[in-house]
Protein backbone atom coordinates (compact mmCIF):
# COMPACT_ATOMS: atom_id res chain seq x y z
CA MET A 1 -11.89 -145.30 -92.62
CA LYS A 2 -8.85 -143.15 -93.36
CA ALA A 3 -6.97 -142.19 -90.23
CA LEU A 4 -6.81 -138.53 -89.25
CA LYS A 5 -3.58 -137.00 -87.96
CA ILE A 6 -3.15 -135.17 -84.65
CA ALA A 7 0.04 -133.24 -83.88
CA ILE A 8 1.35 -132.94 -80.34
CA GLN A 9 4.56 -131.61 -78.83
CA LYS A 10 7.48 -134.04 -79.18
CA SER A 11 9.16 -132.83 -76.00
CA GLY A 12 8.52 -130.06 -73.53
CA ARG A 13 5.97 -129.08 -70.93
CA LEU A 14 2.89 -130.15 -72.94
CA ASN A 15 4.13 -133.53 -74.16
CA GLU A 16 3.48 -135.63 -71.07
CA LYS A 17 0.01 -134.20 -70.42
CA SER A 18 -0.98 -134.54 -74.10
CA VAL A 19 0.04 -138.21 -74.14
CA GLU A 20 -1.76 -138.78 -70.83
CA LEU A 21 -4.95 -137.20 -72.20
CA LEU A 22 -4.95 -139.31 -75.34
CA LYS A 23 -4.34 -142.51 -73.38
CA ASN A 24 -7.12 -141.58 -70.93
CA CYS A 25 -9.37 -141.27 -73.98
CA GLY A 26 -8.81 -144.99 -74.55
CA LEU A 27 -6.30 -144.61 -77.38
CA SER A 28 -3.68 -147.35 -77.57
CA PHE A 29 -0.30 -146.42 -79.04
CA GLU A 30 3.38 -147.18 -78.42
CA ASN A 31 6.88 -145.98 -79.33
CA TYR A 32 5.88 -142.36 -78.95
CA LYS A 33 9.18 -141.39 -77.29
CA SER A 34 11.35 -142.45 -80.21
CA SER A 35 9.11 -141.82 -83.24
CA LEU A 36 8.01 -138.82 -85.26
CA ILE A 37 4.73 -140.55 -86.06
CA THR A 38 2.83 -143.45 -84.52
CA SER A 39 -0.48 -145.13 -85.27
CA VAL A 40 -3.28 -145.64 -82.77
CA ALA A 41 -4.18 -149.34 -82.70
CA ASN A 42 -7.84 -148.97 -81.74
CA PHE A 43 -8.90 -145.64 -83.28
CA PRO A 44 -8.54 -144.13 -86.79
CA LEU A 45 -5.85 -141.67 -85.74
CA GLU A 46 -2.13 -141.13 -86.27
CA ILE A 47 -0.06 -139.03 -83.88
CA LEU A 48 2.64 -136.69 -85.13
CA PHE A 49 5.33 -135.52 -82.69
CA LEU A 50 6.49 -132.03 -83.62
CA ARG A 51 8.02 -128.85 -82.25
CA ASP A 52 5.22 -126.85 -80.66
CA ASP A 53 6.02 -123.83 -82.85
CA ASP A 54 5.28 -125.92 -85.96
CA ILE A 55 1.95 -127.38 -84.83
CA PRO A 56 -0.39 -124.43 -85.61
CA GLU A 57 0.85 -124.07 -89.18
CA TYR A 58 0.78 -127.84 -89.80
CA VAL A 59 -2.88 -127.82 -88.78
CA GLN A 60 -3.71 -124.68 -90.77
CA ASP A 61 -2.09 -126.17 -93.89
CA GLY A 62 -3.84 -129.54 -93.47
CA ILE A 63 -0.68 -131.57 -92.91
CA ALA A 64 -2.27 -132.46 -89.57
CA ASP A 65 -6.02 -132.48 -89.04
CA LEU A 66 -5.81 -131.74 -85.31
CA GLY A 67 -3.25 -130.44 -82.85
CA ILE A 68 -2.65 -129.86 -79.17
CA VAL A 69 -0.67 -126.70 -78.52
CA GLY A 70 -0.50 -123.72 -76.19
CA GLU A 71 -2.78 -120.80 -76.97
CA ASN A 72 0.24 -118.48 -76.80
CA VAL A 73 1.78 -120.28 -79.78
CA ILE A 74 -1.48 -120.17 -81.75
CA LYS A 75 -1.85 -116.43 -81.28
CA GLU A 76 1.79 -115.70 -82.05
CA LYS A 77 1.58 -117.63 -85.33
CA GLU A 78 -1.68 -115.86 -86.33
CA VAL A 79 -3.01 -119.00 -88.01
CA SER A 80 -6.51 -119.75 -89.22
CA VAL A 81 -7.61 -122.79 -87.21
CA GLU A 82 -10.64 -123.85 -85.19
CA TYR A 83 -10.54 -123.92 -81.41
CA LEU A 84 -12.18 -127.25 -80.52
CA GLN A 85 -11.56 -127.61 -76.77
CA ALA A 86 -9.62 -125.89 -74.00
CA LEU A 87 -7.80 -128.69 -72.16
CA GLY A 88 -7.07 -127.22 -68.75
CA PHE A 89 -3.36 -128.07 -68.60
CA GLY A 90 -0.21 -126.21 -69.59
CA LYS A 91 -1.56 -123.08 -67.93
CA CYS A 92 0.79 -120.11 -67.91
CA THR A 93 0.79 -116.36 -68.39
CA LEU A 94 2.72 -114.22 -70.83
CA LYS A 95 4.00 -111.38 -68.66
CA ILE A 96 6.10 -108.27 -68.97
CA ALA A 97 8.78 -108.34 -66.30
CA ILE A 98 11.22 -105.66 -65.18
CA PRO A 99 14.39 -105.52 -63.05
CA LYS A 100 13.63 -105.22 -59.35
CA GLU A 101 16.08 -102.34 -58.98
CA LYS A 102 14.36 -100.33 -61.74
CA PRO A 103 10.66 -100.38 -60.78
CA LEU A 104 8.01 -98.88 -63.02
CA ASN A 105 4.73 -97.61 -61.60
CA TYR A 106 2.35 -97.41 -64.54
CA ILE A 107 1.91 -99.19 -67.85
CA ASP A 108 2.64 -95.90 -69.65
CA ASP A 109 6.14 -96.01 -68.16
CA LEU A 110 6.98 -98.58 -70.83
CA ASN A 111 6.97 -95.79 -73.44
CA GLY A 112 10.44 -95.47 -74.92
CA LYS A 113 11.67 -98.67 -73.25
CA SER A 114 13.12 -101.71 -74.97
CA ILE A 115 11.46 -105.11 -74.37
CA ALA A 116 13.05 -108.45 -75.25
CA THR A 117 10.65 -111.25 -76.19
CA SER A 118 10.06 -114.39 -78.22
CA TYR A 119 6.47 -113.25 -78.79
CA PRO A 120 6.75 -110.01 -80.79
CA ILE A 121 3.30 -110.26 -82.42
CA ILE A 122 1.39 -110.78 -79.16
CA LEU A 123 3.46 -108.11 -77.43
CA GLN A 124 2.95 -105.59 -80.25
CA LYS A 125 -0.84 -106.05 -80.07
CA PHE A 126 -0.71 -105.52 -76.31
CA LEU A 127 1.34 -102.33 -76.68
CA ASP A 128 -0.94 -101.02 -79.44
CA GLN A 129 -3.96 -101.68 -77.23
CA HIS A 130 -2.43 -99.50 -74.52
CA GLN A 131 -1.06 -96.94 -77.00
CA ILE A 132 2.52 -97.55 -75.94
CA LYS A 133 5.55 -96.97 -78.15
CA ALA A 134 8.32 -99.36 -77.17
CA ASP A 135 11.24 -101.01 -78.95
CA ILE A 136 10.53 -104.74 -79.30
CA ARG A 137 13.71 -106.80 -79.52
CA THR A 138 12.95 -110.30 -80.76
CA ILE A 139 15.23 -112.97 -79.39
CA SER A 140 14.91 -116.71 -78.83
CA GLY A 141 16.12 -118.77 -75.95
CA SER A 142 16.85 -117.18 -72.59
CA VAL A 143 14.83 -113.99 -72.82
CA GLU A 144 15.15 -113.37 -69.08
CA ILE A 145 18.87 -112.52 -69.35
CA GLY A 146 18.13 -109.50 -71.59
CA PRO A 147 18.09 -106.79 -68.91
CA GLY A 148 21.14 -108.22 -67.13
CA LEU A 149 23.17 -108.09 -70.35
CA GLY A 150 21.95 -104.61 -71.23
CA LEU A 151 19.97 -105.89 -74.22
CA SER A 152 16.65 -104.52 -72.98
CA ASP A 153 14.92 -102.62 -70.20
CA ALA A 154 12.29 -105.32 -69.74
CA ILE A 155 11.22 -108.70 -71.04
CA CYS A 156 7.97 -110.33 -72.13
CA ASP A 157 7.96 -114.07 -71.60
CA ILE A 158 5.95 -117.08 -70.48
CA VAL A 159 5.76 -117.39 -66.69
CA SER A 160 4.55 -120.48 -64.84
CA THR A 161 5.98 -120.39 -61.31
CA GLY A 162 8.01 -117.18 -61.49
CA SER A 163 11.20 -118.84 -60.24
CA THR A 164 13.13 -118.01 -63.43
CA LEU A 165 12.24 -114.35 -63.04
CA ARG A 166 13.36 -114.27 -59.41
CA ASN A 167 16.62 -116.02 -60.24
CA ASN A 168 17.38 -113.28 -62.76
CA GLY A 169 16.45 -110.35 -60.54
CA LEU A 170 13.16 -109.67 -62.33
CA GLU A 171 9.62 -109.15 -61.11
CA PRO A 172 6.27 -109.31 -62.94
CA PHE A 173 4.96 -105.97 -64.13
CA ALA A 174 1.99 -106.60 -66.43
CA ASP A 175 -0.03 -109.59 -67.66
CA VAL A 176 -0.19 -109.80 -71.44
CA LEU A 177 -1.94 -113.12 -72.13
CA SER A 178 -3.27 -116.10 -70.18
CA SER A 179 -2.66 -119.39 -71.97
CA GLN A 180 -3.41 -123.09 -71.72
CA ALA A 181 -3.28 -126.10 -74.02
CA ILE A 182 -5.94 -126.07 -76.74
CA LEU A 183 -7.17 -128.83 -79.04
CA ILE A 184 -7.30 -127.20 -82.46
CA GLY A 185 -8.43 -128.41 -85.87
CA LYS A 186 -8.15 -127.36 -89.46
CA LYS A 187 -11.13 -125.49 -90.87
CA ASP A 188 -14.35 -127.50 -91.24
CA ILE A 189 -12.92 -130.56 -89.47
CA LYS A 190 -15.29 -130.37 -86.49
CA GLU A 191 -18.13 -132.18 -88.28
CA HIS A 192 -15.96 -135.18 -89.13
CA SER A 193 -17.30 -138.27 -87.34
CA VAL A 194 -13.86 -139.21 -85.98
CA VAL A 195 -13.40 -135.72 -84.55
CA GLU A 196 -16.86 -135.81 -82.96
CA GLU A 197 -16.01 -139.13 -81.29
CA LEU A 198 -12.61 -137.89 -80.10
CA LEU A 199 -14.13 -134.68 -78.75
CA GLN A 200 -16.71 -136.67 -76.80
CA ARG A 201 -13.95 -138.74 -75.25
CA VAL A 202 -11.83 -135.71 -74.42
CA GLN A 203 -14.75 -133.90 -72.82
CA SER A 204 -15.68 -136.95 -70.73
CA VAL A 205 -12.13 -137.16 -69.40
CA LEU A 206 -12.05 -133.43 -68.60
CA ARG A 207 -15.39 -133.57 -66.79
CA ALA A 208 -14.18 -136.52 -64.73
CA LYS A 209 -11.08 -134.62 -63.62
CA GLU A 210 -13.20 -131.76 -62.34
CA THR A 211 -15.65 -133.90 -60.40
CA LYS A 212 -15.79 -136.51 -57.67
CA TYR A 213 -18.23 -139.30 -56.88
CA VAL A 214 -19.66 -138.78 -53.40
CA VAL A 215 -21.45 -141.35 -51.23
CA LEU A 216 -22.84 -140.47 -47.80
CA ASN A 217 -25.36 -141.70 -45.26
CA VAL A 218 -28.02 -139.48 -43.70
CA LYS A 219 -31.25 -139.79 -41.74
CA LYS A 220 -34.37 -139.25 -43.85
CA GLU A 221 -35.25 -136.04 -42.03
CA GLY A 222 -31.99 -134.48 -43.22
CA LEU A 223 -32.34 -135.67 -46.81
CA ASP A 224 -33.98 -132.56 -48.27
CA GLY A 225 -31.16 -130.38 -46.99
CA ILE A 226 -28.56 -132.74 -48.45
CA LEU A 227 -30.30 -132.77 -51.85
CA ASP A 228 -30.31 -128.96 -51.92
CA ILE A 229 -26.53 -128.99 -51.47
CA LEU A 230 -25.72 -131.88 -53.83
CA PRO A 231 -27.78 -131.56 -57.00
CA GLY A 232 -25.73 -134.10 -59.01
CA VAL A 233 -25.49 -134.40 -62.79
CA LYS A 234 -29.26 -134.92 -63.07
CA SER A 235 -30.29 -135.71 -59.52
CA PRO A 236 -28.70 -137.78 -56.74
CA THR A 237 -29.42 -141.48 -56.29
CA VAL A 238 -31.08 -142.20 -52.94
CA ILE A 239 -31.00 -145.78 -51.61
CA PRO A 240 -32.66 -146.99 -48.37
CA LEU A 241 -30.24 -148.53 -45.87
CA ALA A 242 -30.87 -151.65 -43.80
CA GLU A 243 -31.11 -149.46 -40.71
CA GLU A 244 -34.59 -147.97 -40.52
CA GLY A 245 -34.84 -144.25 -41.21
CA TRP A 246 -31.48 -143.97 -42.98
CA VAL A 247 -30.61 -143.58 -46.67
CA ALA A 248 -27.44 -143.53 -48.75
CA VAL A 249 -26.98 -140.66 -51.20
CA HIS A 250 -24.84 -141.16 -54.32
CA THR A 251 -24.02 -138.15 -56.46
CA VAL A 252 -21.40 -136.34 -58.54
CA ILE A 253 -20.08 -132.92 -57.58
CA SER A 254 -17.28 -130.52 -58.43
CA GLU A 255 -14.37 -131.21 -56.11
CA GLN A 256 -13.96 -127.49 -55.43
CA ASP A 257 -17.66 -127.16 -54.55
CA PHE A 258 -17.49 -130.21 -52.31
CA TRP A 259 -14.80 -128.81 -50.03
CA GLU A 260 -16.77 -125.57 -49.74
CA LYS A 261 -19.95 -127.46 -48.84
CA ILE A 262 -18.69 -130.22 -46.56
CA ASN A 263 -19.59 -128.38 -43.33
CA ASN A 264 -23.14 -127.84 -44.60
CA LEU A 265 -23.41 -131.55 -45.35
CA LYS A 266 -22.42 -132.33 -41.78
CA SER A 267 -24.94 -129.82 -40.42
CA PHE A 268 -27.73 -131.88 -42.02
CA GLY A 269 -26.41 -135.04 -40.42
CA ALA A 270 -24.31 -136.51 -43.23
CA GLN A 271 -22.09 -139.37 -42.03
CA GLY A 272 -19.63 -141.77 -43.60
CA ILE A 273 -18.84 -139.39 -46.43
CA VAL A 274 -16.77 -141.15 -49.11
CA VAL A 275 -15.20 -139.22 -52.01
CA MET A 276 -13.94 -141.17 -55.02
CA PRO A 277 -12.26 -140.21 -58.30
CA ILE A 278 -14.16 -140.63 -61.56
CA GLU A 279 -12.48 -142.02 -64.64
CA LYS A 280 -14.92 -140.65 -67.24
CA ILE A 281 -18.33 -138.96 -67.42
CA ILE A 282 -20.38 -139.49 -70.59
CA MET A 283 -23.16 -136.94 -70.98
């Protein structure tokens, strides 16, 4: 079977997580830090290492069949690709930020202002949506220095922690776009058997990250209450213990839900609660 090609970021904030995801999917490959392309030994796939700005167009044009790239880049490039799976990492927000000493109160206050950005297309759509006339100044690199150098009144840039804004005397003013890493494909690639298999693997890894395997002991009279709290993927496994009147409950639950429900578990007599990570969940 001819190998498909998937493009991921060569270096930057999405590279490490993209490599980790592919390896967690059981793909075996080496030399990815020094190569532009590498083959997967145990799956019909080749990995291309590219600049993130190039990935959407490579996928659209069929040079790569698949790609992992931030949604902000996809929307800025205005490419025609298929969204196959949101991946849950590389989360950030495209924000408009303004100097702290020149606060604005309302979104309409941006009228007549100049905004420096590396995302002119996304920003223009946002301004049009709010019927705002502003001067977009497209620059690359350190957008956050624009106001300090007198290049612009505000900026529009990707924000993760906000530390870069604070270091440059800026504060968030408006959210333009929420973004995360997306697995994309060229048109009509989703039905390809290799893509179906890869998607299944990716989804099993993502489900496992969101869930935990829980084992607990409880007296039989408290079992119904426990089962109401922990429904499991299908239903929990209940196993009698050697001690009369006690059972062990095995189930899978969202980690976030578990911490919200732990006190309720205890109220029904749950003891010896063990929480374990899950490597993969195949539905």
